Amino acid sequence: MEKLLKEALQTSKLSTIGKFGGMIAKDATGYEIDGGWRIFVKGGTKQMFEGEFASLQAIQRTNTVRVPKPLKILADPREEGGYLFVMEYMDLKGLSKYQAMLGEQLARLHLHNQSCEQTTSQSSHIKSDDSQPSYVDQFGFDVSTCCGAIPLDNTWSSNWVEFYARQRVAPQIAMAEEKYGGHQASELWTQLVPQLPSLFAGMSVKPALLHGDLWSGNAAENASGPVIYDPACFYGHSEFDLAIAAMFGGFSHAFYSAYHQLIPKAPGFEKRHQLYMLFHYLNHWNHFGSGYKSQSLSIMKDLL
């Protein structure tokens, strides 16, 4: 692998500066290369990294919140079908001082697409090679992304409720029942689907660029401000990003206060918050086992 990285990065120096753990990515390592530059390399699948590369680029283009710069995706010679993702290395520590700044920046990320509506001509979607974002009037993304190791269907849709039901929750329920058996989840979901539009009564959901997996383990800070990483971007309802942020803690009152100063809670927020948590509990059920089953079923029962 050392030879591959040196050739791909055109460097004679490749010194290890640290190794890092992760639940999904493998062999995450930091290196110093020629010129004192530092890179971060992790192993995984091509589909996972193509989605993450495009996601990081999309967030970068908004100039709202800092993310590592993606550099290259390389085939891993050590493993058939394995790939390496090379990106900018950043010295990070836990999010603390910049909680409020991240809340404000996340809100500006979510509002960015609406600002584009006023300044650019409409486009049904954004291409990964566009130098500047244009307004996106649908829900989805140009490439598949992965939330954890599970690929997501980001096919474009003009209807947010249908997109969320068909392309987020329904595939997770089908996967859980195939892996673990039983039909309770699908029976509850079948009852809940007709009621979903009522949770959005009086709302016009505008597509917002989302991080897609913003739990506290995917947010940190350095000396200059907050940094987010490991995104699974798509254009969706801004409230979606707050669901997993709340599930596992790590974000302070200052974070939420700064966010809601720019994007106030709309009527019905709490029920939709539960609805968006449902996807993440199901996703965790499929990743980590039936310990997340009860929360998944409980949310659907509560929403009925």
C-alpha atoms as a PDB file:
ATOM      1  CA  MET A   1       0.000   0.000   0.000  1.00  0.00           C
ATOM      2  CA  GLU A   2       2.878   2.351   0.740  1.00  0.00           C
ATOM      3  CA  LYS A   3       4.074   2.161  -2.863  1.00  0.00           C
ATOM      4  CA  LEU A   4       0.549   2.811  -4.163  1.00  0.00           C
ATOM      5  CA  LEU A   5       0.099   5.898  -1.999  1.00  0.00           C
ATOM      6  CA  LYS A   6       3.499   7.319  -2.882  1.00  0.00           C
ATOM      7  CA  GLU A   7       2.815   6.938  -6.595  1.00  0.00           C
ATOM      8  CA  ALA A   8      -0.736   8.283  -6.428  1.00  0.00           C
ATOM      9  CA  LEU A   9       0.275  11.279  -4.335  1.00  0.00           C
ATOM     10  CA  GLN A  10       3.641  11.795  -6.037  1.00  0.00           C
ATOM     11  CA  THR A  11       5.504  11.863  -2.748  1.00  0.00           C
ATOM     12  CA  SER A  12       8.761  10.322  -1.630  1.00  0.00           C
ATOM     13  CA  LYS A  13       7.840  10.673   2.042  1.00  0.00           C
ATOM     14  CA  LEU A  14       5.075   8.690   3.730  1.00  0.00           C
ATOM     15  CA  SER A  15       5.442   8.762   7.510  1.00  0.00           C
ATOM     16  CA  THR A  16       2.737   7.418   9.800  1.00  0.00           C
ATOM     17  CA  ILE A  17       1.512   9.991  12.309  1.00  0.00           C
ATOM     18  CA  GLY A  18      -1.315   8.006  13.873  1.00  0.00           C
ATOM     19  CA  LYS A  19      -3.833   5.175  13.570  1.00  0.00           C
ATOM     20  CA  PHE A  20      -7.506   5.585  14.319  1.00  0.00           C
ATOM     21  CA  GLY A  21     -10.393   3.263  15.092  1.00  0.00           C
ATOM     22  CA  GLY A  22     -13.791   3.224  13.413  1.00  0.00           C
ATOM     23  CA  MET A  23     -16.988   1.191  13.353  1.00  0.00           C
ATOM     24  CA  ILE A  24     -17.253   0.965   9.568  1.00  0.00           C
ATOM     25  CA  ALA A  25     -14.035   2.132   7.883  1.00  0.00           C
ATOM     26  CA  LYS A  26     -10.888   0.023   8.219  1.00  0.00           C
ATOM     27  CA  ASP A  27      -7.204   0.781   8.770  1.00  0.00           C
ATOM     28  CA  ALA A  28      -7.712   4.515   9.247  1.00  0.00           C
ATOM     29  CA  THR A  29      -4.244   6.073   9.305  1.00  0.00           C
ATOM     30  CA  GLY A  30      -2.720   9.529   9.176  1.00  0.00           C
ATOM     31  CA  TYR A  31       0.451  10.198   7.182  1.00  0.00           C
ATOM     32  CA  GLU A  32       2.837  13.063   6.568  1.00  0.00           C
ATOM     33  CA  ILE A  33       4.013  13.467   2.973  1.00  0.00           C
ATOM     34  CA  ASP A  34       6.364  15.778   1.064  1.00  0.00           C
ATOM     35  CA  GLY A  35       6.102  19.457   1.899  1.00  0.00           C
ATOM     36  CA  GLY A  36       4.827  18.751   5.393  1.00  0.00           C
ATOM     37  CA  TRP A  37       1.321  18.009   4.101  1.00  0.00           C
ATOM     38  CA  ARG A  38      -0.759  15.540   6.081  1.00  0.00           C
ATOM     39  CA  ILE A  39      -3.303  13.084   4.717  1.00  0.00           C
ATOM     40  CA  PHE A  40      -5.836  10.691   6.193  1.00  0.00           C
ATOM     41  CA  VAL A  41      -6.423   7.280   4.583  1.00  0.00           C
ATOM     42  CA  LYS A  42      -9.125   4.722   5.372  1.00  0.00           C
ATOM     43  CA  GLY A  43     -10.305   1.489   3.794  1.00  0.00           C
ATOM     44  CA  GLY A  44     -13.774   0.452   2.667  1.00  0.00           C
ATOM     45  CA  THR A  45     -15.904  -0.044  -0.430  1.00  0.00           C
ATOM     46  CA  LYS A  46     -15.913   1.903  -3.672  1.00  0.00           C
ATOM     47  CA  GLN A  47     -19.609   2.761  -3.383  1.00  0.00           C
ATOM     48  CA  MET A  48     -19.174   4.040   0.166  1.00  0.00           C
ATOM     49  CA  PHE A  49     -16.269   6.265  -0.767  1.00  0.00           C
ATOM     50  CA  GLU A  50     -17.737   7.594  -4.017  1.00  0.00           C
ATOM     51  CA  GLY A  51     -20.749   8.770  -2.020  1.00  0.00           C
ATOM     52  CA  GLU A  52     -18.604  10.283   0.706  1.00  0.00           C
ATOM     53  CA  PHE A  53     -16.329  12.017  -1.833  1.00  0.00           C
ATOM     54  CA  ALA A  54     -19.302  13.631  -3.566  1.00  0.00           C
ATOM     55  CA  SER A  55     -20.830  14.541  -0.196  1.00  0.00           C
ATOM     56  CA  LEU A  56     -17.711  16.302   1.045  1.00  0.00           C
ATOM     57  CA  GLN A  57     -17.452  18.192  -2.244  1.00  0.00           C
ATOM     58  CA  ALA A  58     -21.094  19.263  -2.042  1.00  0.00           C
ATOM     59  CA  ILE A  59     -20.695  20.627   1.488  1.00  0.00           C
ATOM     60  CA  GLN A  60     -17.427  22.345   0.553  1.00  0.00           C
ATOM     61  CA  ARG A  61     -19.098  24.178  -2.311  1.00  0.00           C
ATOM     62  CA  THR A  62     -21.560  25.834   0.069  1.00  0.00           C
ATOM     63  CA  ASN A  63     -18.780  27.539   2.098  1.00  0.00           C
ATOM     64  CA  THR A  64     -20.888  27.160   5.218  1.00  0.00           C
ATOM     65  CA  VAL A  65     -19.151  24.586   7.433  1.00  0.00           C
ATOM     66  CA  ARG A  66     -15.672  23.077   7.329  1.00  0.00           C
ATOM     67  CA  VAL A  67     -15.135  19.512   6.102  1.00  0.00           C
ATOM     68  CA  PRO A  68     -11.941  17.646   5.179  1.00  0.00           C
ATOM     69  CA  LYS A  69     -10.986  18.041   1.537  1.00  0.00           C
ATOM     70  CA  PRO A  70     -11.387  14.753  -0.373  1.00  0.00           C
ATOM     71  CA  LEU A  71      -8.366  13.874  -2.516  1.00  0.00           C
ATOM     72  CA  LYS A  72      -8.444  10.418  -4.114  1.00  0.00           C
ATOM     73  CA  ILE A  73     -10.146   7.038  -4.187  1.00  0.00           C
ATOM     74  CA  LEU A  74      -7.743   4.183  -4.909  1.00  0.00           C
ATOM     75  CA  ALA A  75      -8.143   0.439  -5.352  1.00  0.00           C
ATOM     76  CA  ASP A  76      -6.628  -1.356  -2.344  1.00  0.00           C
ATOM     77  CA  PRO A  77      -4.090  -3.928  -3.592  1.00  0.00           C
ATOM     78  CA  ARG A  78      -4.329  -5.864  -0.329  1.00  0.00           C
ATOM     79  CA  GLU A  79      -7.984  -6.820  -0.704  1.00  0.00           C
ATOM     80  CA  GLU A  80     -10.079  -7.810  -3.704  1.00  0.00           C
ATOM     81  CA  GLY A  81     -12.868  -5.276  -4.047  1.00  0.00           C
ATOM     82  CA  GLY A  82     -11.337  -3.061  -1.388  1.00  0.00           C
ATOM     83  CA  TYR A  83     -10.685   0.651  -1.798  1.00  0.00           C
ATOM     84  CA  LEU A  84      -8.804   3.439  -0.040  1.00  0.00           C
ATOM     85  CA  PHE A  85     -10.108   6.954   0.505  1.00  0.00           C
ATOM     86  CA  VAL A  86      -7.465   9.670   0.772  1.00  0.00           C
ATOM     87  CA  MET A  87      -8.433  13.026   2.229  1.00  0.00           C
ATOM     88  CA  GLU A  88      -7.018  15.996   4.075  1.00  0.00           C
ATOM     89  CA  TYR A  89      -5.776  15.217   7.581  1.00  0.00           C
ATOM     90  CA  MET A  90      -7.033  17.551  10.289  1.00  0.00           C
ATOM     91  CA  ASP A  91      -5.952  17.791  13.936  1.00  0.00           C
ATOM     92  CA  LEU A  92      -9.273  17.519  15.748  1.00  0.00           C
ATOM     93  CA  LYS A  93     -10.617  17.291  19.260  1.00  0.00           C
ATOM     94  CA  GLY A  94     -14.083  16.836  20.699  1.00  0.00           C
ATOM     95  CA  LEU A  95     -16.668  19.501  19.977  1.00  0.00           C
ATOM     96  CA  SER A  96     -16.800  21.929  22.900  1.00  0.00           C
ATOM     97  CA  LYS A  97     -15.913  25.585  22.391  1.00  0.00           C
ATOM     98  CA  TYR A  98     -17.606  25.830  19.004  1.00  0.00           C
ATOM     99  CA  GLN A  99     -21.001  24.220  19.696  1.00  0.00           C
ATOM    100  CA  ALA A 100     -22.916  27.421  18.941  1.00  0.00           C
ATOM    101  CA  MET A 101     -20.859  28.107  15.834  1.00  0.00           C
ATOM    102  CA  LEU A 102     -21.639  24.637  14.497  1.00  0.00           C
ATOM    103  CA  GLY A 103     -25.341  25.145  15.169  1.00  0.00           C
ATOM    104  CA  GLU A 104     -25.289  28.362  13.156  1.00  0.00           C
ATOM    105  CA  GLN A 105     -23.182  26.848  10.374  1.00  0.00           C
ATOM    106  CA  LEU A 106     -25.408  23.780  10.100  1.00  0.00           C
ATOM    107  CA  ALA A 107     -28.440  26.047   9.748  1.00  0.00           C
ATOM    108  CA  ARG A 108     -26.647  28.017   7.024  1.00  0.00           C
ATOM    109  CA  LEU A 109     -25.835  24.740   5.255  1.00  0.00           C
ATOM    110  CA  HIS A 110     -29.514  23.839   5.370  1.00  0.00           C
ATOM    111  CA  LEU A 111     -30.532  27.281   4.103  1.00  0.00           C
ATOM    112  CA  HIS A 112     -27.927  27.433   1.366  1.00  0.00           C
ATOM    113  CA  ASN A 113     -30.047  25.798  -1.323  1.00  0.00           C
ATOM    114  CA  GLN A 114     -32.832  28.316  -0.751  1.00  0.00           C
ATOM    115  CA  SER A 115     -30.336  31.142  -1.217  1.00  0.00           C
ATOM    116  CA  CYS A 116     -29.326  29.580  -4.530  1.00  0.00           C
ATOM    117  CA  GLU A 117     -32.937  29.744  -5.654  1.00  0.00           C
ATOM    118  CA  GLN A 118     -32.654  33.514  -5.616  1.00  0.00           C
ATOM    119  CA  THR A 119     -29.310  33.754  -7.401  1.00  0.00           C
ATOM    120  CA  THR A 120     -29.132  30.946  -9.938  1.00  0.00           C
ATOM    121  CA  SER A 121     -31.330  29.425 -12.587  1.00  0.00           C
ATOM    122  CA  GLN A 122     -33.265  26.363 -11.519  1.00  0.00           C
ATOM    123  CA  SER A 123     -31.792  22.920 -12.079  1.00  0.00           C
ATOM    124  CA  SER A 124     -33.352  19.568 -11.214  1.00  0.00           C
ATOM    125  CA  HIS A 125     -30.130  18.422  -9.575  1.00  0.00           C
ATOM    126  CA  ILE A 126     -26.512  19.325  -8.998  1.00  0.00           C
ATOM    127  CA  LYS A 127     -23.676  17.603 -10.822  1.00  0.00           C
ATOM    128  CA  SER A 128     -20.597  16.580  -8.906  1.00  0.00           C
ATOM    129  CA  ASP A 129     -18.332  18.491 -11.280  1.00  0.00           C
ATOM    130  CA  ASP A 130     -20.178  21.812 -10.911  1.00  0.00           C
ATOM    131  CA  SER A 131     -17.836  24.435  -9.479  1.00  0.00           C
ATOM    132  CA  GLN A 132     -20.723  26.360  -7.926  1.00  0.00           C
ATOM    133  CA  PRO A 133     -23.991  24.928  -6.601  1.00  0.00           C
ATOM    134  CA  SER A 134     -27.203  25.769  -8.380  1.00  0.00           C
ATOM    135  CA  TYR A 135     -30.705  25.555  -6.972  1.00  0.00           C
ATOM    136  CA  VAL A 136     -31.969  22.009  -6.429  1.00  0.00           C
ATOM    137  CA  ASP A 137     -35.737  21.591  -6.610  1.00  0.00           C
ATOM    138  CA  GLN A 138     -36.002  17.884  -5.799  1.00  0.00           C
ATOM    139  CA  PHE A 139     -35.111  15.450  -3.036  1.00  0.00           C
ATOM    140  CA  GLY A 140     -32.215  13.038  -3.492  1.00  0.00           C
ATOM    141  CA  PHE A 141     -28.622  13.178  -4.645  1.00  0.00           C
ATOM    142  CA  ASP A 142     -26.658  12.482  -7.811  1.00  0.00           C
ATOM    143  CA  VAL A 143     -24.925   9.409  -6.411  1.00  0.00           C
ATOM    144  CA  SER A 144     -25.738   6.702  -3.910  1.00  0.00           C
ATOM    145  CA  THR A 145     -24.372   7.329  -0.425  1.00  0.00           C
ATOM    146  CA  CYS A 146     -23.987   5.008   2.554  1.00  0.00           C
ATOM    147  CA  CYS A 147     -25.220   5.601   6.078  1.00  0.00           C
ATOM    148  CA  GLY A 148     -22.728   3.367   7.800  1.00  0.00           C
ATOM    149  CA  ALA A 149     -22.216   0.446   5.434  1.00  0.00           C
ATOM    150  CA  ILE A 150     -25.744   0.385   3.990  1.00  0.00           C
ATOM    151  CA  PRO A 151     -26.203   2.003   0.549  1.00  0.00           C
ATOM    152  CA  LEU A 152     -29.055   4.484   0.233  1.00  0.00           C
ATOM    153  CA  ASP A 153     -31.332   5.039  -2.743  1.00  0.00           C
ATOM    154  CA  ASN A 154     -30.955   8.710  -3.647  1.00  0.00           C
ATOM    155  CA  THR A 155     -33.031   8.633  -6.834  1.00  0.00           C
ATOM    156  CA  TRP A 156     -34.528  12.076  -7.327  1.00  0.00           C
ATOM    157  CA  SER A 157     -38.119  12.687  -6.238  1.00  0.00           C
ATOM    158  CA  SER A 158     -40.341  15.758  -6.200  1.00  0.00           C
ATOM    159  CA  ASN A 159     -42.269  14.543  -3.139  1.00  0.00           C
ATOM    160  CA  TRP A 160     -40.458  14.547   0.214  1.00  0.00           C
ATOM    161  CA  VAL A 161     -42.926  12.356   2.110  1.00  0.00           C
ATOM    162  CA  GLU A 162     -42.817   9.704  -0.628  1.00  0.00           C
ATOM    163  CA  PHE A 163     -39.019   9.919  -0.825  1.00  0.00           C
ATOM    164  CA  TYR A 164     -38.621   9.440   2.912  1.00  0.00           C
ATOM    165  CA  ALA A 165     -41.150   6.623   3.121  1.00  0.00           C
ATOM    166  CA  ARG A 166     -40.048   4.664   0.048  1.00  0.00           C
ATOM    167  CA  GLN A 167     -36.330   5.377  -0.109  1.00  0.00           C
ATOM    168  CA  ARG A 168     -35.375   5.652   3.548  1.00  0.00           C
ATOM    169  CA  VAL A 169     -37.682   3.794   5.923  1.00  0.00           C
ATOM    170  CA  ALA A 170     -39.226   1.037   3.785  1.00  0.00           C
ATOM    171  CA  PRO A 171     -35.877  -0.467   2.637  1.00  0.00           C
ATOM    172  CA  GLN A 172     -34.618  -0.537   6.238  1.00  0.00           C
ATOM    173  CA  ILE A 173     -37.732  -2.351   7.449  1.00  0.00           C
ATOM    174  CA  ALA A 174     -37.490  -4.885   4.619  1.00  0.00           C
ATOM    175  CA  MET A 175     -33.816  -5.486   5.432  1.00  0.00           C
ATOM    176  CA  ALA A 176     -34.473  -5.905   9.165  1.00  0.00           C
ATOM    177  CA  GLU A 177     -37.237  -8.435   8.607  1.00  0.00           C
ATOM    178  CA  GLU A 178     -35.145 -10.371   6.098  1.00  0.00           C
ATOM    179  CA  LYS A 179     -32.232 -10.547   8.545  1.00  0.00           C
ATOM    180  CA  TYR A 180     -34.084 -11.053  11.812  1.00  0.00           C
ATOM    181  CA  GLY A 181     -37.514 -12.376  10.859  1.00  0.00           C
ATOM    182  CA  GLY A 182     -40.948 -11.327  12.020  1.00  0.00           C
ATOM    183  CA  HIS A 183     -43.467  -8.930  10.510  1.00  0.00           C
ATOM    184  CA  GLN A 184     -44.298  -6.556  13.347  1.00  0.00           C
ATOM    185  CA  ALA A 185     -42.253  -3.694  11.906  1.00  0.00           C
ATOM    186  CA  SER A 186     -43.789  -3.908   8.439  1.00  0.00           C
ATOM    187  CA  GLU A 187     -47.302  -4.226   9.890  1.00  0.00           C
ATOM    188  CA  LEU A 188     -46.810  -1.069  11.960  1.00  0.00           C
ATOM    189  CA  TRP A 189     -45.242   0.777   9.049  1.00  0.00           C
ATOM    190  CA  THR A 190     -48.147  -0.173   6.758  1.00  0.00           C
ATOM    191  CA  GLN A 191     -50.528   1.411   9.265  1.00  0.00           C
ATOM    192  CA  LEU A 192     -48.358   4.509   9.653  1.00  0.00           C
ATOM    193  CA  VAL A 193     -47.695   5.346   5.987  1.00  0.00           C
ATOM    194  CA  PRO A 194     -51.213   6.731   5.249  1.00  0.00           C
ATOM    195  CA  GLN A 195     -50.852   9.061   8.236  1.00  0.00           C
ATOM    196  CA  LEU A 196     -47.511  10.543   7.208  1.00  0.00           C
ATOM    197  CA  PRO A 197     -48.925  13.453   5.173  1.00  0.00           C
ATOM    198  CA  SER A 198     -50.759  14.697   8.275  1.00  0.00           C
ATOM    199  CA  LEU A 199     -47.387  15.199  10.001  1.00  0.00           C
ATOM    200  CA  PHE A 200     -46.553  17.751   7.290  1.00  0.00           C
ATOM    201  CA  ALA A 201     -49.909  19.529   7.149  1.00  0.00           C
ATOM    202  CA  GLY A 202     -49.528  23.179   6.205  1.00  0.00           C
ATOM    203  CA  MET A 203     -45.823  22.776   5.430  1.00  0.00           C
ATOM    204  CA  SER A 204     -43.886  23.272   2.237  1.00  0.00           C
ATOM    205  CA  VAL A 205     -40.673  21.297   2.652  1.00  0.00           C
ATOM    206  CA  LYS A 206     -37.812  22.889   0.721  1.00  0.00           C
ATOM    207  CA  PRO A 207     -34.898  20.657  -0.320  1.00  0.00           C
ATOM    208  CA  ALA A 208     -31.886  21.319   1.919  1.00  0.00           C
ATOM    209  CA  LEU A 209     -28.419  19.851   1.569  1.00  0.00           C
ATOM    210  CA  LEU A 210     -28.074  17.516   4.561  1.00  0.00           C
ATOM    211  CA  HIS A 211     -25.040  15.936   6.182  1.00  0.00           C
ATOM    212  CA  GLY A 212     -27.135  12.798   6.526  1.00  0.00           C
ATOM    213  CA  ASP A 213     -25.395  11.164   9.515  1.00  0.00           C
ATOM    214  CA  LEU A 214     -24.638  13.979  11.947  1.00  0.00           C
ATOM    215  CA  TRP A 215     -24.161  12.232  15.272  1.00  0.00           C
ATOM    216  CA  SER A 216     -21.595  13.609  17.703  1.00  0.00           C
ATOM    217  CA  GLY A 217     -18.943  11.147  16.475  1.00  0.00           C
ATOM    218  CA  ASN A 218     -19.003  12.902  13.100  1.00  0.00           C
ATOM    219  CA  ALA A 219     -18.444  16.389  14.485  1.00  0.00           C
ATOM    220  CA  ALA A 220     -15.357  17.888  16.119  1.00  0.00           C
ATOM    221  CA  GLU A 221     -13.353  21.087  16.216  1.00  0.00           C
ATOM    222  CA  ASN A 222      -9.877  22.477  15.677  1.00  0.00           C
ATOM    223  CA  ALA A 223      -8.331  25.803  16.593  1.00  0.00           C
ATOM    224  CA  SER A 224     -10.308  27.691  13.950  1.00  0.00           C
ATOM    225  CA  GLY A 225     -13.778  26.237  14.410  1.00  0.00           C
ATOM    226  CA  PRO A 226     -16.061  23.227  14.007  1.00  0.00           C
ATOM    227  CA  VAL A 227     -15.509  20.432  11.485  1.00  0.00           C
ATOM    228  CA  ILE A 228     -17.957  17.762  10.305  1.00  0.00           C
ATOM    229  CA  TYR A 229     -17.054  14.618   8.398  1.00  0.00           C
ATOM    230  CA  ASP A 230     -18.243  11.156   7.262  1.00  0.00           C
ATOM    231  CA  PRO A 231     -21.300  12.640   5.512  1.00  0.00           C
ATOM    232  CA  ALA A 232     -23.979  10.753   3.607  1.00  0.00           C
ATOM    233  CA  CYS A 233     -25.426  13.777   1.857  1.00  0.00           C
ATOM    234  CA  PHE A 234     -28.711  14.179   0.084  1.00  0.00           C
ATOM    235  CA  TYR A 235     -31.256  16.936  -0.402  1.00  0.00           C
ATOM    236  CA  GLY A 236     -34.073  16.518   2.091  1.00  0.00           C
ATOM    237  CA  HIS A 237     -35.942  18.137   4.975  1.00  0.00           C
ATOM    238  CA  SER A 238     -33.618  20.129   7.219  1.00  0.00           C
ATOM    239  CA  GLU A 239     -35.168  18.598  10.343  1.00  0.00           C
ATOM    240  CA  PHE A 240     -33.776  15.190   9.360  1.00  0.00           C
ATOM    241  CA  ASP A 241     -30.224  16.114  10.406  1.00  0.00           C
ATOM    242  CA  LEU A 242     -31.361  16.941  13.940  1.00  0.00           C
ATOM    243  CA  ALA A 243     -32.722  13.444  14.600  1.00  0.00           C
ATOM    244  CA  ILE A 244     -29.517  11.472  14.974  1.00  0.00           C
ATOM    245  CA  ALA A 245     -27.869  14.526  16.536  1.00  0.00           C
ATOM    246  CA  ALA A 246     -30.326  14.166  19.416  1.00  0.00           C
ATOM    247  CA  MET A 247     -30.299  10.360  19.646  1.00  0.00           C
ATOM    248  CA  PHE A 248     -26.818   9.923  21.069  1.00  0.00           C
ATOM    249  CA  GLY A 249     -26.180  13.302  22.710  1.00  0.00           C
ATOM    250  CA  GLY A 250     -22.996  15.323  22.438  1.00  0.00           C
ATOM    251  CA  PHE A 251     -24.638  18.525  21.176  1.00  0.00           C
ATOM    252  CA  SER A 252     -25.305  21.243  23.710  1.00  0.00           C
ATOM    253  CA  HIS A 253     -28.145  23.705  24.251  1.00  0.00           C
ATOM    254  CA  ALA A 254     -25.922  26.329  22.595  1.00  0.00           C
ATOM    255  CA  PHE A 255     -25.833  24.238  19.408  1.00  0.00           C
ATOM    256  CA  TYR A 256     -29.615  23.927  19.171  1.00  0.00           C
ATOM    257  CA  SER A 257     -30.256  27.524  20.223  1.00  0.00           C
ATOM    258  CA  ALA A 258     -27.961  28.871  17.498  1.00  0.00           C
ATOM    259  CA  TYR A 259     -29.516  26.548  14.920  1.00  0.00           C
ATOM    260  CA  HIS A 260     -33.110  27.460  15.738  1.00  0.00           C
ATOM    261  CA  GLN A 261     -32.378  31.174  15.723  1.00  0.00           C
ATOM    262  CA  LEU A 262     -31.968  30.760  11.954  1.00  0.00           C
ATOM    263  CA  ILE A 263     -34.415  27.896  11.422  1.00  0.00           C
ATOM    264  CA  PRO A 264     -37.151  28.027  14.085  1.00  0.00           C
ATOM    265  CA  LYS A 265     -39.073  24.884  14.957  1.00  0.00           C
ATOM    266  CA  ALA A 266     -42.159  24.571  12.768  1.00  0.00           C
ATOM    267  CA  PRO A 267     -45.486  23.322  14.169  1.00  0.00           C
ATOM    268  CA  GLY A 268     -45.420  19.540  14.498  1.00  0.00           C
ATOM    269  CA  PHE A 269     -41.628  19.423  14.880  1.00  0.00           C
ATOM    270  CA  GLU A 270     -41.609  16.917  17.767  1.00  0.00           C
ATOM    271  CA  LYS A 271     -43.567  14.223  15.918  1.00  0.00           C
ATOM    272  CA  ARG A 272     -41.503  14.633  12.775  1.00  0.00           C
ATOM    273  CA  HIS A 273     -38.396  14.457  14.970  1.00  0.00           C
ATOM    274  CA  GLN A 274     -39.559  11.001  16.081  1.00  0.00           C
ATOM    275  CA  LEU A 275     -40.291  10.040  12.494  1.00  0.00           C
ATOM    276  CA  TYR A 276     -36.754  10.954  11.444  1.00  0.00           C
ATOM    277  CA  MET A 277     -35.267   9.094  14.411  1.00  0.00           C
ATOM    278  CA  LEU A 278     -37.075   6.015  13.111  1.00  0.00           C
ATOM    279  CA  PHE A 279     -34.767   5.758  10.107  1.00  0.00           C
ATOM    280  CA  HIS A 280     -31.672   5.871  12.297  1.00  0.00           C
ATOM    281  CA  TYR A 281     -32.955   3.322  14.804  1.00  0.00           C
ATOM    282  CA  LEU A 282     -33.795   0.990  11.921  1.00  0.00           C
ATOM    283  CA  ASN A 283     -30.386   1.612  10.378  1.00  0.00           C
ATOM    284  CA  HIS A 284     -28.735   0.760  13.698  1.00  0.00           C
ATOM    285  CA  TRP A 285     -30.908  -2.345  14.006  1.00  0.00           C
ATOM    286  CA  ASN A 286     -29.596  -3.488  10.633  1.00  0.00           C
ATOM    287  CA  HIS A 287     -25.993  -2.666  11.521  1.00  0.00           C
ATOM    288  CA  PHE A 288     -25.733  -3.737  15.136  1.00  0.00           C
ATOM    289  CA  GLY A 289     -28.552  -6.132  15.864  1.00  0.00           C
ATOM    290  CA  SER A 290     -31.918  -6.391  17.562  1.00  0.00           C
ATOM    291  CA  GLY A 291     -30.950  -4.172  20.497  1.00  0.00           C
ATOM    292  CA  TYR A 292     -32.443  -1.335  18.427  1.00  0.00           C
ATOM    293  CA  LYS A 293     -35.642  -3.196  17.543  1.00  0.00           C
ATOM    294  CA  SER A 294     -37.681  -2.015  20.518  1.00  0.00           C
ATOM    295  CA  GLN A 295     -36.972   1.666  19.873  1.00  0.00           C
ATOM    296  CA  SER A 296     -37.907   1.250  16.219  1.00  0.00           C
ATOM    297  CA  LEU A 297     -41.234  -0.398  17.054  1.00  0.00           C
ATOM    298  CA  SER A 298     -41.954   2.036  19.886  1.00  0.00           C
ATOM    299  CA  ILE A 299     -41.612   5.080  17.630  1.00  0.00           C
ATOM    300  CA  MET A 300     -44.081   3.681  15.114  1.00  0.00           C
ATOM    301  CA  LYS A 301     -46.565   2.829  17.872  1.00  0.00           C
ATOM    302  CA  ASP A 302     -46.247   6.324  19.331  1.00  0.00           C
ATOM    303  CA  LEU A 303     -46.890   7.937  15.951  1.00  0.00           C
ATOM    304  CA  LEU A 304     -50.015   5.893  15.236  1.00  0.00           C
END
